[in-house]
Amino acid sequence: MSILTLPTVTAIEAQAEASLFLSDRLPDRVSASVPSLDEAYHVWRVPVILAYPQLGVLGQVGEVIVSAVKPEVVFSTALEDMLKEAKALAEKHRDAIEAKLHSDDADFTKDSRPRESGNARDL
């Protein structure tokens, strides 16, 4: 007869724990994604992703394992490996990243120019 152990750590708590772990160690474009429960090992498997605003997720760069019974990181892909994978993904998507950055700069410049209308309603 086997004993069923229910997780006391929720998916949200596991993701928060993984996020805190990552935020202290890796750049802000690397973040924790949606966890999945591994019932056999009583852990949450949290994918680590590389994402950019307006571009979305570029891909998975690693994994953080959080205990399902205590909110603590028990294992992760080596930080150096995650950083290396993140750099490779960024390089692979460089054109899209740079295009978005340049279009955002153009939008900011266009929006910040003073208006040339003498009409008070345009202020």
PDB file of N, CA and C in Angstrom:
ATOM      1  N   MET A   1       0.838  -1.177   0.000  1.00  0.00           N
ATOM      2  CA  MET A   1       0.000   0.000   0.000  1.00  0.00           C
ATOM      3  C   MET A   1       0.887   1.246   0.000  1.00  0.00           C
ATOM      4  N   SER A   2       0.582   2.181  -0.898  1.00  0.00           N
ATOM      5  CA  SER A   2       1.378   3.404  -0.973  1.00  0.00           C
ATOM      6  C   SER A   2       0.634   4.547  -0.293  1.00  0.00           C
ATOM      7  N   ILE A   3       1.414   5.484   0.189  1.00  0.00           N
ATOM      8  CA  ILE A   3       0.843   6.650   0.862  1.00  0.00           C
ATOM      9  C   ILE A   3       0.861   7.811  -0.109  1.00  0.00           C
ATOM     10  N   LEU A   4      -0.264   8.472  -0.232  1.00  0.00           N
ATOM     11  CA  LEU A   4      -0.387   9.624  -1.120  1.00  0.00           C
ATOM     12  C   LEU A   4       0.025  10.881  -0.359  1.00  0.00           C
ATOM     13  N   THR A   5       1.019  11.580  -0.882  1.00  0.00           N
ATOM     14  CA  THR A   5       1.460  12.832  -0.270  1.00  0.00           C
ATOM     15  C   THR A   5       0.985  13.983  -1.144  1.00  0.00           C
ATOM     16  N   LEU A   6       0.134  14.810  -0.582  1.00  0.00           N
ATOM     17  CA  LEU A   6      -0.370  15.961  -1.325  1.00  0.00           C
ATOM     18  C   LEU A   6       0.597  17.127  -1.178  1.00  0.00           C
ATOM     19  N   PRO A   7       0.786  17.896  -2.233  1.00  0.00           N
ATOM     20  CA  PRO A   7       1.693  19.041  -2.130  1.00  0.00           C
ATOM     21  C   PRO A   7       1.116  20.111  -1.210  1.00  0.00           C
ATOM     22  N   THR A   8       1.965  20.666  -0.376  1.00  0.00           N
ATOM     23  CA  THR A   8       1.541  21.790   0.455  1.00  0.00           C
ATOM     24  C   THR A   8       1.971  23.110  -0.166  1.00  0.00           C
ATOM     25  N   VAL A   9       2.863  23.053  -1.133  1.00  0.00           N
ATOM     26  CA  VAL A   9       3.307  24.227  -1.875  1.00  0.00           C
ATOM     27  C   VAL A   9       2.472  24.300  -3.150  1.00  0.00           C
ATOM     28  N   THR A  10       1.853  25.444  -3.392  1.00  0.00           N
ATOM     29  CA  THR A  10       1.036  25.611  -4.599  1.00  0.00           C
ATOM     30  C   THR A  10       1.913  25.935  -5.805  1.00  0.00           C
ATOM     31  N   ALA A  11       1.327  25.843  -6.980  1.00  0.00           N
ATOM     32  CA  ALA A  11       2.052  26.188  -8.208  1.00  0.00           C
ATOM     33  C   ALA A  11       2.517  27.639  -8.172  1.00  0.00           C
ATOM     34  N   ILE A  12       1.667  28.519  -7.656  1.00  0.00           N
ATOM     35  CA  ILE A  12       2.028  29.947  -7.584  1.00  0.00           C
ATOM     36  C   ILE A  12       3.207  30.149  -6.636  1.00  0.00           C
ATOM     37  N   GLU A  13       3.195  29.452  -5.506  1.00  0.00           N
ATOM     38  CA  GLU A  13       4.307  29.559  -4.556  1.00  0.00           C
ATOM     39  C   GLU A  13       5.598  29.008  -5.160  1.00  0.00           C
ATOM     40  N   ALA A  14       5.481  27.895  -5.885  1.00  0.00           N
ATOM     41  CA  ALA A  14       6.664  27.310  -6.529  1.00  0.00           C
ATOM     42  C   ALA A  14       7.239  28.268  -7.570  1.00  0.00           C
ATOM     43  N   GLN A  15       6.367  28.883  -8.362  1.00  0.00           N
ATOM     44  CA  GLN A  15       6.828  29.832  -9.373  1.00  0.00           C
ATOM     45  C   GLN A  15       7.467  31.049  -8.708  1.00  0.00           C
ATOM     46  N   ALA A  16       6.875  31.519  -7.615  1.00  0.00           N
ATOM     47  CA  ALA A  16       7.444  32.671  -6.900  1.00  0.00           C
ATOM     48  C   ALA A  16       8.819  32.337  -6.328  1.00  0.00           C
ATOM     49  N   GLU A  17       8.963  31.147  -5.775  1.00  0.00           N
ATOM     50  CA  GLU A  17      10.252  30.726  -5.217  1.00  0.00           C
ATOM     51  C   GLU A  17      11.313  30.641  -6.317  1.00  0.00           C
ATOM     52  N   ALA A  18      10.937  30.080  -7.452  1.00  0.00           N
ATOM     53  CA  ALA A  18      11.862  29.995  -8.586  1.00  0.00           C
ATOM     54  C   ALA A  18      12.213  31.393  -9.102  1.00  0.00           C
ATOM     55  N   SER A  19      11.228  32.274  -9.162  1.00  0.00           N
ATOM     56  CA  SER A  19      11.472  33.658  -9.626  1.00  0.00           C
ATOM     57  C   SER A  19      12.453  34.378  -8.718  1.00  0.00           C
ATOM     58  N   LEU A  20      12.281  34.214  -7.426  1.00  0.00           N
ATOM     59  CA  LEU A  20      13.198  34.849  -6.478  1.00  0.00           C
ATOM     60  C   LEU A  20      14.617  34.303  -6.649  1.00  0.00           C
ATOM     61  N   PHE A  21      14.723  33.009  -6.794  1.00  0.00           N
ATOM     62  CA  PHE A  21      16.022  32.368  -7.018  1.00  0.00           C
ATOM     63  C   PHE A  21      16.695  32.940  -8.266  1.00  0.00           C
ATOM     64  N   LEU A  22      15.936  33.060  -9.345  1.00  0.00           N
ATOM     65  CA  LEU A  22      16.493  33.552 -10.614  1.00  0.00           C
ATOM     66  C   LEU A  22      16.822  35.043 -10.563  1.00  0.00           C
ATOM     67  N   SER A  23      15.965  35.831  -9.938  1.00  0.00           N
ATOM     68  CA  SER A  23      16.161  37.287  -9.939  1.00  0.00           C
ATOM     69  C   SER A  23      17.441  37.706  -9.234  1.00  0.00           C
ATOM     70  N   ASP A  24      17.902  36.909  -8.295  1.00  0.00           N
ATOM     71  CA  ASP A  24      19.149  37.207  -7.589  1.00  0.00           C
ATOM     72  C   ASP A  24      20.391  36.773  -8.364  1.00  0.00           C
ATOM     73  N   ARG A  25      20.183  36.006  -9.469  1.00  0.00           N
ATOM     74  CA  ARG A  25      21.330  35.378 -10.111  1.00  0.00           C
ATOM     75  C   ARG A  25      21.474  35.623 -11.615  1.00  0.00           C
ATOM     76  N   LEU A  26      20.372  35.925 -12.296  1.00  0.00           N
ATOM     77  CA  LEU A  26      20.410  36.044 -13.759  1.00  0.00           C
ATOM     78  C   LEU A  26      19.736  37.345 -14.217  1.00  0.00           C
ATOM     79  N   PRO A  27      19.977  37.757 -15.465  1.00  0.00           N
ATOM     80  CA  PRO A  27      19.369  38.984 -15.994  1.00  0.00           C
ATOM     81  C   PRO A  27      17.832  38.925 -15.978  1.00  0.00           C
ATOM     82  N   ASP A  28      17.209  40.096 -16.039  1.00  0.00           N
ATOM     83  CA  ASP A  28      15.750  40.186 -15.910  1.00  0.00           C
ATOM     84  C   ASP A  28      14.970  39.586 -17.071  1.00  0.00           C
ATOM     85  N   ARG A  29      15.580  39.312 -18.181  1.00  0.00           N
ATOM     86  CA  ARG A  29      14.877  38.689 -19.313  1.00  0.00           C
ATOM     87  C   ARG A  29      14.696  37.185 -19.100  1.00  0.00           C
ATOM     88  N   VAL A  30      15.389  36.642 -18.103  1.00  0.00           N
ATOM     89  CA  VAL A  30      15.274  35.228 -17.757  1.00  0.00           C
ATOM     90  C   VAL A  30      14.299  35.128 -16.590  1.00  0.00           C
ATOM     91  N   SER A  31      13.256  34.295 -16.750  1.00  0.00           N
ATOM     92  CA  SER A  31      12.235  34.225 -15.702  1.00  0.00           C
ATOM     93  C   SER A  31      11.626  32.833 -15.586  1.00  0.00           C
ATOM     94  N   ALA A  32      10.890  32.648 -14.501  1.00  0.00           N
ATOM     95  CA  ALA A  32      10.211  31.381 -14.237  1.00  0.00           C
ATOM     96  C   ALA A  32       8.887  31.351 -14.990  1.00  0.00           C
ATOM     97  N   SER A  33       8.596  30.200 -15.576  1.00  0.00           N
ATOM     98  CA  SER A  33       7.345  30.018 -16.304  1.00  0.00           C
ATOM     99  C   SER A  33       6.387  29.173 -15.459  1.00  0.00           C
ATOM    100  N   VAL A  34       5.401  28.586 -16.094  1.00  0.00           N
ATOM    101  CA  VAL A  34       4.337  27.844 -15.406  1.00  0.00           C
ATOM    102  C   VAL A  34       4.862  26.484 -14.920  1.00  0.00           C
ATOM    103  N   PRO A  35       4.782  26.230 -13.611  1.00  0.00           N
ATOM    104  CA  PRO A  35       5.283  24.972 -13.058  1.00  0.00           C
ATOM    105  C   PRO A  35       4.371  23.784 -13.371  1.00  0.00           C
ATOM    106  N   SER A  36       4.976  22.604 -13.348  1.00  0.00           N
ATOM    107  CA  SER A  36       4.182  21.372 -13.433  1.00  0.00           C
ATOM    108  C   SER A  36       4.593  20.481 -12.266  1.00  0.00           C
ATOM    109  N   LEU A  37       3.604  19.819 -11.687  1.00  0.00           N
ATOM    110  CA  LEU A  37       3.844  18.973 -10.523  1.00  0.00           C
ATOM    111  C   LEU A  37       4.370  17.607 -10.958  1.00  0.00           C
ATOM    112  N   ASP A  38       5.485  17.205 -10.372  1.00  0.00           N
ATOM    113  CA  ASP A  38       6.033  15.867 -10.579  1.00  0.00           C
ATOM    114  C   ASP A  38       5.690  15.069  -9.323  1.00  0.00           C
ATOM    115  N   GLU A  39       4.564  14.368  -9.378  1.00  0.00           N
ATOM    116  CA  GLU A  39       4.058  13.659  -8.203  1.00  0.00           C
ATOM    117  C   GLU A  39       4.989  12.543  -7.742  1.00  0.00           C
ATOM    118  N   ALA A  40       5.681  11.926  -8.663  1.00  0.00           N
ATOM    119  CA  ALA A  40       6.578  10.822  -8.306  1.00  0.00           C
ATOM    120  C   ALA A  40       7.706  11.282  -7.381  1.00  0.00           C
ATOM    121  N   TYR A  41       8.175  12.525  -7.583  1.00  0.00           N
ATOM    122  CA  TYR A  41       9.293  13.036  -6.794  1.00  0.00           C
ATOM    123  C   TYR A  41       8.890  14.127  -5.805  1.00  0.00           C
ATOM    124  N   HIS A  42       7.611  14.460  -5.760  1.00  0.00           N
ATOM    125  CA  HIS A  42       7.089  15.482  -4.839  1.00  0.00           C
ATOM    126  C   HIS A  42       7.792  16.823  -5.023  1.00  0.00           C
ATOM    127  N   VAL A  43       7.902  17.227  -6.292  1.00  0.00           N
ATOM    128  CA  VAL A  43       8.524  18.509  -6.615  1.00  0.00           C
ATOM    129  C   VAL A  43       7.719  19.201  -7.711  1.00  0.00           C
ATOM    130  N   TRP A  44       7.943  20.496  -7.802  1.00  0.00           N
ATOM    131  CA  TRP A  44       7.435  21.297  -8.912  1.00  0.00           C
ATOM    132  C   TRP A  44       8.587  21.513  -9.881  1.00  0.00           C
ATOM    133  N   ARG A  45       8.349  21.261 -11.152  1.00  0.00           N
ATOM    134  CA  ARG A  45       9.335  21.524 -12.197  1.00  0.00           C
ATOM    135  C   ARG A  45       8.953  22.860 -12.845  1.00  0.00           C
ATOM    136  N   VAL A  46       9.820  23.837 -12.701  1.00  0.00           N
ATOM    137  CA  VAL A  46       9.539  25.185 -13.192  1.00  0.00           C
ATOM    138  C   VAL A  46      10.463  25.490 -14.367  1.00  0.00           C
ATOM    139  N   PRO A  47       9.896  25.586 -15.575  1.00  0.00           N
ATOM    140  CA  PRO A  47      10.733  25.937 -16.722  1.00  0.00           C
ATOM    141  C   PRO A  47      11.291  27.356 -16.571  1.00  0.00           C
ATOM    142  N   VAL A  48      12.515  27.541 -16.999  1.00  0.00           N
ATOM    143  CA  VAL A  48      13.143  28.865 -17.001  1.00  0.00           C
ATOM    144  C   VAL A  48      13.186  29.314 -18.459  1.00  0.00           C
ATOM    145  N   ILE A  49      12.637  30.496 -18.706  1.00  0.00           N
ATOM    146  CA  ILE A  49      12.493  30.979 -20.083  1.00  0.00           C
ATOM    147  C   ILE A  49      13.230  32.291 -20.299  1.00  0.00           C
ATOM    148  N   LEU A  50      13.507  32.566 -21.561  1.00  0.00           N
ATOM    149  CA  LEU A  50      14.020  33.863 -21.981  1.00  0.00           C
ATOM    150  C   LEU A  50      12.880  34.556 -22.710  1.00  0.00           C
ATOM    151  N   ALA A  51      12.532  35.766 -22.281  1.00  0.00           N
ATOM    152  CA  ALA A  51      11.423  36.489 -22.894  1.00  0.00           C
ATOM    153  C   ALA A  51      11.760  37.974 -22.999  1.00  0.00           C
ATOM    154  N   TYR A  52      11.182  38.605 -23.997  1.00  0.00           N
ATOM    155  CA  TYR A  52      11.327  40.045 -24.211  1.00  0.00           C
ATOM    156  C   TYR A  52       9.943  40.662 -24.319  1.00  0.00           C
ATOM    157  N   PRO A  53       9.763  41.876 -23.776  1.00  0.00           N
ATOM    158  CA  PRO A  53       8.470  42.556 -23.926  1.00  0.00           C
ATOM    159  C   PRO A  53       8.125  42.703 -25.410  1.00  0.00           C
ATOM    160  N   GLN A  54       6.901  42.578 -25.743  1.00  0.00           N
ATOM    161  CA  GLN A  54       6.351  42.680 -27.102  1.00  0.00           C
ATOM    162  C   GLN A  54       6.838  41.583 -28.056  1.00  0.00           C
ATOM    163  N   LEU A  55       7.803  40.780 -27.661  1.00  0.00           N
ATOM    164  CA  LEU A  55       8.230  39.648 -28.492  1.00  0.00           C
ATOM    165  C   LEU A  55       7.749  38.337 -27.896  1.00  0.00           C
ATOM    166  N   GLY A  56       7.608  38.310 -26.591  1.00  0.00           N
ATOM    167  CA  GLY A  56       7.166  37.105 -25.912  1.00  0.00           C
ATOM    168  C   GLY A  56       8.310  36.169 -25.589  1.00  0.00           C
ATOM    169  N   VAL A  57       7.962  34.915 -25.376  1.00  0.00           N
ATOM    170  CA  VAL A  57       8.930  33.896 -24.985  1.00  0.00           C
ATOM    171  C   VAL A  57       9.746  33.474 -26.204  1.00  0.00           C
ATOM    172  N   LEU A  58      11.069  33.524 -26.046  1.00  0.00           N
ATOM    173  CA  LEU A  58      11.959  33.081 -27.122  1.00  0.00           C
ATOM    174  C   LEU A  58      12.322  31.610 -26.977  1.00  0.00           C
ATOM    175  N   GLY A  59      12.224  31.077 -25.757  1.00  0.00           N
ATOM    176  CA  GLY A  59      12.513  29.665 -25.553  1.00  0.00           C
ATOM    177  C   GLY A  59      12.884  29.348 -24.117  1.00  0.00           C
ATOM    178  N   GLN A  60      12.990  28.065 -23.827  1.00  0.00           N
ATOM    179  CA  GLN A  60      13.370  27.596 -22.503  1.00  0.00           C
ATOM    180  C   GLN A  60      14.888  27.498 -22.414  1.00  0.00           C
ATOM    181  N   VAL A  61      15.442  27.962 -21.281  1.00  0.00           N
ATOM    182  CA  VAL A  61      16.888  27.947 -21.092  1.00  0.00           C
ATOM    183  C   VAL A  61      17.320  27.043 -19.945  1.00  0.00           C
ATOM    184  N   GLY A  62      16.366  26.519 -19.185  1.00  0.00           N
ATOM    185  CA  GLY A  62      16.709  25.660 -18.062  1.00  0.00           C
ATOM    186  C   GLY A  62      15.493  25.293 -17.247  1.00  0.00           C
ATOM    187  N   GLU A  63      15.750  24.827 -16.025  1.00  0.00           N
ATOM    188  CA  GLU A  63      14.676  24.388 -15.135  1.00  0.00           C
ATOM    189  C   GLU A  63      15.097  24.590 -13.689  1.00  0.00           C
ATOM    190  N   VAL A  64      14.122  24.990 -12.874  1.00  0.00           N
ATOM    191  CA  VAL A  64      14.319  25.076 -11.432  1.00  0.00           C
ATOM    192  C   VAL A  64      13.365  24.067 -10.806  1.00  0.00           C
ATOM    193  N   ILE A  65      13.864  23.298  -9.859  1.00  0.00           N
ATOM    194  CA  ILE A  65      13.051  22.301  -9.168  1.00  0.00           C
ATOM    195  C   ILE A  65      12.780  22.819  -7.756  1.00  0.00           C
ATOM    196  N   VAL A  66      11.488  22.919  -7.425  1.00  0.00           N
ATOM    197  CA  VAL A  66      11.067  23.416  -6.111  1.00  0.00           C
ATOM    198  C   VAL A  66      10.341  22.290  -5.389  1.00  0.00           C
ATOM    199  N   SER A  67      10.648  22.109  -4.122  1.00  0.00           N
ATOM    200  CA  SER A  67       9.978  21.089  -3.318  1.00  0.00           C
ATOM    201  C   SER A  67       8.475  21.343  -3.288  1.00  0.00           C
ATOM    202  N   ALA A  68       7.681  20.276  -3.320  1.00  0.00           N
ATOM    203  CA  ALA A  68       6.221  20.409  -3.254  1.00  0.00           C
ATOM    204  C   ALA A  68       5.729  20.433  -1.810  1.00  0.00           C
ATOM    205  N   VAL A  69       6.622  20.166  -0.858  1.00  0.00           N
ATOM    206  CA  VAL A  69       6.214  20.139   0.545  1.00  0.00           C
ATOM    207  C   VAL A  69       6.811  21.280   1.368  1.00  0.00           C
ATOM    208  N   LYS A  70       7.787  21.974   0.810  1.00  0.00           N
ATOM    209  CA  LYS A  70       8.423  23.111   1.490  1.00  0.00           C
ATOM    210  C   LYS A  70       8.878  24.088   0.415  1.00  0.00           C
ATOM    211  N   PRO A  71       8.551  25.369   0.532  1.00  0.00           N
ATOM    212  CA  PRO A  71       8.898  26.316  -0.540  1.00  0.00           C
ATOM    213  C   PRO A  71      10.400  26.610  -0.608  1.00  0.00           C
ATOM    214  N   GLU A  72      11.133  25.692  -1.239  1.00  0.00           N
ATOM    215  CA  GLU A  72      12.575  25.883  -1.386  1.00  0.00           C
ATOM    216  C   GLU A  72      13.052  25.239  -2.682  1.00  0.00           C
ATOM    217  N   VAL A  73      14.049  25.872  -3.279  1.00  0.00           N
ATOM    218  CA  VAL A  73      14.666  25.329  -4.489  1.00  0.00           C
ATOM    219  C   VAL A  73      15.546  24.160  -4.073  1.00  0.00           C
ATOM    220  N   VAL A  74      15.334  23.014  -4.711  1.00  0.00           N
ATOM    221  CA  VAL A  74      16.146  21.839  -4.389  1.00  0.00           C
ATOM    222  C   VAL A  74      17.158  21.516  -5.487  1.00  0.00           C
ATOM    223  N   PHE A  75      16.947  22.090  -6.685  1.00  0.00           N
ATOM    224  CA  PHE A  75      17.870  21.852  -7.788  1.00  0.00           C
ATOM    225  C   PHE A  75      17.568  22.863  -8.885  1.00  0.00           C
ATOM    226  N   SER A  76      18.585  23.148  -9.691  1.00  0.00           N
ATOM    227  CA  SER A  76      18.361  23.943 -10.899  1.00  0.00           C
ATOM    228  C   SER A  76      19.413  23.577 -11.931  1.00  0.00           C
ATOM    229  N   THR A  77      19.077  23.850 -13.178  1.00  0.00           N
ATOM    230  CA  THR A  77      20.086  23.791 -14.228  1.00  0.00           C
ATOM    231  C   THR A  77      21.211  24.740 -13.812  1.00  0.00           C
ATOM    232  N   ALA A  78      22.438  24.393 -14.103  1.00  0.00           N
ATOM    233  CA  ALA A  78      23.567  25.255 -13.736  1.00  0.00           C
ATOM    234  C   ALA A  78      23.349  26.661 -14.289  1.00  0.00           C
ATOM    235  N   LEU A  79      23.600  27.659 -13.470  1.00  0.00           N
ATOM    236  CA  LEU A  79      23.386  29.055 -13.870  1.00  0.00           C
ATOM    237  C   LEU A  79      24.184  29.409 -15.116  1.00  0.00           C
ATOM    238  N   GLU A  80      25.409  28.912 -15.197  1.00  0.00           N
ATOM    239  CA  GLU A  80      26.253  29.193 -16.366  1.00  0.00           C
ATOM    240  C   GLU A  80      25.628  28.620 -17.632  1.00  0.00           C
ATOM    241  N   ASP A  81      25.020  27.436 -17.502  1.00  0.00           N
ATOM    242  CA  ASP A  81      24.371  26.805 -18.654  1.00  0.00           C
ATOM    243  C   ASP A  81      23.133  27.588 -19.086  1.00  0.00           C
ATOM    244  N   MET A  82      22.362  28.078 -18.105  1.00  0.00           N
ATOM    245  CA  MET A  82      21.168  28.872 -18.450  1.00  0.00           C
ATOM    246  C   MET A  82      21.571  30.171 -19.134  1.00  0.00           C
ATOM    247  N   LEU A  83      22.607  30.821 -18.621  1.00  0.00           N
ATOM    248  CA  LEU A  83      23.076  32.070 -19.217  1.00  0.00           C
ATOM    249  C   LEU A  83      23.603  31.831 -20.630  1.00  0.00           C
ATOM    250  N   LYS A  84      24.333  30.758 -20.815  1.00  0.00           N
ATOM    251  CA  LYS A  84      24.863  30.404 -22.136  1.00  0.00           C
ATOM    252  C   LYS A  84      23.718  30.152 -23.123  1.00  0.00           C
ATOM    253  N   GLU A  85      22.705  29.408 -22.693  1.00  0.00           N
ATOM    254  CA  GLU A  85      21.550  29.119 -23.552  1.00  0.00           C
ATOM    255  C   GLU A  85      20.767  30.403 -23.855  1.00  0.00           C
ATOM    256  N   ALA A  86      20.622  31.282 -22.852  1.00  0.00           N
ATOM    257  CA  ALA A  86      19.921  32.551 -23.056  1.00  0.00           C
ATOM    258  C   ALA A  86      20.651  33.414 -24.085  1.00  0.00           C
ATOM    259  N   LYS A  87      21.968  33.461 -23.996  1.00  0.00           N
ATOM    260  CA  LYS A  87      22.760  34.233 -24.967  1.00  0.00           C
ATOM    261  C   LYS A  87      22.611  33.655 -26.366  1.00  0.00           C
ATOM    262  N   ALA A  88      22.594  32.333 -26.476  1.00  0.00           N
ATOM    263  CA  ALA A  88      22.443  31.687 -27.788  1.00  0.00           C
ATOM    264  C   ALA A  88      21.056  31.988 -28.376  1.00  0.00           C
ATOM    265  N   LEU A  89      20.024  31.936 -27.540  1.00  0.00           N
ATOM    266  CA  LEU A  89      18.674  32.260 -28.025  1.00  0.00           C
ATOM    267  C   LEU A  89      18.567  33.727 -28.440  1.00  0.00           C
ATOM    268  N   ALA A  90      19.155  34.606 -27.647  1.00  0.00           N
ATOM    269  CA  ALA A  90      19.128  36.029 -27.983  1.00  0.00           C
ATOM    270  C   ALA A  90      19.842  36.279 -29.308  1.00  0.00           C
ATOM    271  N   GLU A  91      20.952  35.612 -29.509  1.00  0.00           N
ATOM    272  CA  GLU A  91      21.689  35.761 -30.764  1.00  0.00           C
ATOM    273  C   GLU A  91      20.863  35.234 -31.935  1.00  0.00           C
ATOM    274  N   LYS A  92      20.205  34.107 -31.743  1.00  0.00           N
ATOM    275  CA  LYS A  92      19.364  33.516 -32.788  1.00  0.00           C
ATOM    276  C   LYS A  92      18.228  34.455 -33.191  1.00  0.00           C
ATOM    277  N   HIS A  93      17.713  35.227 -32.220  1.00  0.00           N
ATOM    278  CA  HIS A  93      16.586  36.132 -32.463  1.00  0.00           C
ATOM    279  C   HIS A  93      17.017  37.597 -32.506  1.00  0.00           C
ATOM    280  N   ARG A  94      18.307  37.833 -32.726  1.00  0.00           N
ATOM    281  CA  ARG A  94      18.852  39.192 -32.675  1.00  0.00           C
ATOM    282  C   ARG A  94      18.106  40.171 -33.583  1.00  0.00           C
ATOM    283  N   ASP A  95      17.826  39.768 -34.816  1.00  0.00           N
ATOM    284  CA  ASP A  95      17.165  40.679 -35.754  1.00  0.00           C
ATOM    285  C   ASP A  95      15.811  41.142 -35.230  1.00  0.00           C
ATOM    286  N   ALA A  96      15.021  40.224 -34.702  1.00  0.00           N
ATOM    287  CA  ALA A  96      13.697  40.581 -34.169  1.00  0.00           C
ATOM    288  C   ALA A  96      13.825  41.480 -32.942  1.00  0.00           C
ATOM    289  N   ILE A  97      14.788  41.183 -32.080  1.00  0.00           N
ATOM    290  CA  ILE A  97      15.003  41.992 -30.878  1.00  0.00           C
ATOM    291  C   ILE A  97      15.416  43.406 -31.256  1.00  0.00           C
ATOM    292  N   GLU A  98      16.391  43.521 -32.149  1.00  0.00           N
ATOM    293  CA  GLU A  98      16.871  44.844 -32.544  1.00  0.00           C
ATOM    294  C   GLU A  98      15.809  45.625 -33.308  1.00  0.00           C
ATOM    295  N   ALA A  99      15.041  44.945 -34.165  1.00  0.00           N
ATOM    296  CA  ALA A  99      13.977  45.626 -34.910  1.00  0.00           C
ATOM    297  C   ALA A  99      12.958  46.212 -33.942  1.00  0.00           C
ATOM    298  N   LYS A 100      12.601  45.451 -32.914  1.00  0.00           N
ATOM    299  CA  LYS A 100      11.622  45.942 -31.941  1.00  0.00           C
ATOM    300  C   LYS A 100      12.195  47.104 -31.143  1.00  0.00           C
ATOM    301  N   LEU A 101      13.463  47.000 -30.751  1.00  0.00           N
ATOM    302  CA  LEU A 101      14.088  48.088 -29.997  1.00  0.00           C
ATOM    303  C   LEU A 101      14.130  49.371 -30.824  1.00  0.00           C
ATOM    304  N   HIS A 102      14.477  49.248 -32.105  1.00  0.00           N
ATOM    305  CA  HIS A 102      14.550  50.436 -32.967  1.00  0.00           C
ATOM    306  C   HIS A 102      13.166  51.012 -33.227  1.00  0.00           C
ATOM    307  N   SER A 103      12.163  50.172 -33.379  1.00  0.00           N
ATOM    308  CA  SER A 103      10.804  50.691 -33.608  1.00  0.00           C
ATOM    309  C   SER A 103      10.275  51.362 -32.347  1.00  0.00           C
ATOM    310  N   ASP A 104      10.633  50.840 -31.162  1.00  0.00           N
ATOM    311  CA  ASP A 104      10.224  51.479 -29.910  1.00  0.00           C
ATOM    312  C   ASP A 104      10.902  52.837 -29.754  1.00  0.00           C
ATOM    313  N   ASP A 105      12.191  52.933 -30.142  1.00  0.00           N
ATOM    314  CA  ASP A 105      12.895  54.215 -30.084  1.00  0.00           C
ATOM    315  C   ASP A 105      12.237  55.224 -31.018  1.00  0.00           C
ATOM    316  N   ALA A 106      11.853  54.795 -32.207  1.00  0.00           N
ATOM    317  CA  ALA A 106      11.203  55.690 -33.172  1.00  0.00           C
ATOM    318  C   ALA A 106       9.850  56.151 -32.648  1.00  0.00           C
ATOM    319  N   ASP A 107       9.099  55.244 -32.036  1.00  0.00           N
ATOM    320  CA  ASP A 107       7.801  55.607 -31.466  1.00  0.00           C
ATOM    321  C   ASP A 107       7.972  56.622 -30.349  1.00  0.00           C
ATOM    322  N   PHE A 108       8.992  56.426 -29.490  1.00  0.00           N
ATOM    323  CA  PHE A 108       9.229  57.350 -28.395  1.00  0.00           C
ATOM    324  C   PHE A 108       9.600  58.724 -28.936  1.00  0.00           C
ATOM    325  N   THR A 109      10.478  58.780 -29.920  1.00  0.00           N
ATOM    326  CA  THR A 109      10.903  60.052 -30.501  1.00  0.00           C
ATOM    327  C   THR A 109       9.710  60.759 -31.144  1.00  0.00           C
ATOM    328  N   LYS A 110       8.901  60.013 -31.875  1.00  0.00           N
ATOM    329  CA  LYS A 110       7.746  60.594 -32.543  1.00  0.00           C
ATOM    330  C   LYS A 110       6.751  61.138 -31.505  1.00  0.00           C
ATOM    331  N   ASP A 111       6.504  60.397 -30.438  1.00  0.00           N
ATOM    332  CA  ASP A 111       5.529  60.799 -29.430  1.00  0.00           C
ATOM    333  C   ASP A 111       6.024  61.941 -28.556  1.00  0.00           C
ATOM    334  N   SER A 112       7.337  62.131 -28.459  1.00  0.00           N
ATOM    335  CA  SER A 112       7.857  63.154 -27.552  1.00  0.00           C
ATOM    336  C   SER A 112       8.131  64.483 -28.247  1.00  0.00           C
ATOM    337  N   ARG A 113       7.917  64.566 -29.586  1.00  0.00           N
ATOM    338  CA  ARG A 113       8.118  65.840 -30.282  1.00  0.00           C
ATOM    339  C   ARG A 113       7.019  66.820 -29.903  1.00  0.00           C
ATOM    340  N   PRO A 114       7.383  68.091 -29.727  1.00  0.00           N
ATOM    341  CA  PRO A 114       6.335  69.086 -29.431  1.00  0.00           C
ATOM    342  C   PRO A 114       5.391  69.264 -30.617  1.00  0.00           C
ATOM    343  N   ARG A 115       4.167  69.514 -30.315  1.00  0.00           N
ATOM    344  CA  ARG A 115       3.185  69.751 -31.376  1.00  0.00           C
ATOM    345  C   ARG A 115       3.343  71.172 -31.887  1.00  0.00           C
ATOM    346  N   GLU A 116       3.086  71.347 -33.173  1.00  0.00           N
ATOM    347  CA  GLU A 116       3.307  72.656 -33.783  1.00  0.00           C
ATOM    348  C   GLU A 116       1.998  73.426 -33.981  1.00  0.00           C
ATOM    349  N   SER A 117       0.943  72.951 -33.389  1.00  0.00           N
ATOM    350  CA  SER A 117      -0.354  73.615 -33.531  1.00  0.00           C
ATOM    351  C   SER A 117      -0.439  74.724 -32.507  1.00  0.00           C
ATOM    352  N   GLY A 118      -1.060  75.835 -32.908  1.00  0.00           N
ATOM    353  CA  GLY A 118      -1.260  76.947 -31.981  1.00  0.00           C
ATOM    354  C   GLY A 118      -2.583  76.822 -31.245  1.00  0.00           C
ATOM    355  N   ASN A 119      -3.279  75.745 -31.439  1.00  0.00           N
ATOM    356  CA  ASN A 119      -4.597  75.553 -30.871  1.00  0.00           C
ATOM    357  C   ASN A 119      -4.474  75.050 -29.432  1.00  0.00           C
ATOM    358  N   ALA A 120      -5.108  75.688 -28.484  1.00  0.00           N
ATOM    359  CA  ALA A 120      -5.036  75.329 -27.080  1.00  0.00           C
ATOM    360  C   ALA A 120      -5.634  73.944 -26.821  1.00  0.00           C
ATOM    361  N   ARG A 121      -6.550  73.514 -27.673  1.00  0.00           N
ATOM    362  CA  ARG A 121      -7.175  72.184 -27.490  1.00  0.00           C
ATOM    363  C   ARG A 121      -6.171  71.063 -27.723  1.00  0.00           C
ATOM    364  N   ASP A 122      -5.056  71.312 -28.404  1.00  0.00           N
ATOM    365  CA  ASP A 122      -4.053  70.289 -28.697  1.00  0.00           C
ATOM    366  C   ASP A 122      -3.088  70.057 -27.538  1.00  0.00           C
ATOM    367  N   LEU A 123      -3.173  70.838 -26.482  1.00  0.00           N
ATOM    368  CA  LEU A 123      -2.231  70.677 -25.366  1.00  0.00           C
ATOM    369  C   LEU A 123      -2.567  69.521 -24.484  1.00  0.00           C
TER     370      LEU A 123
END
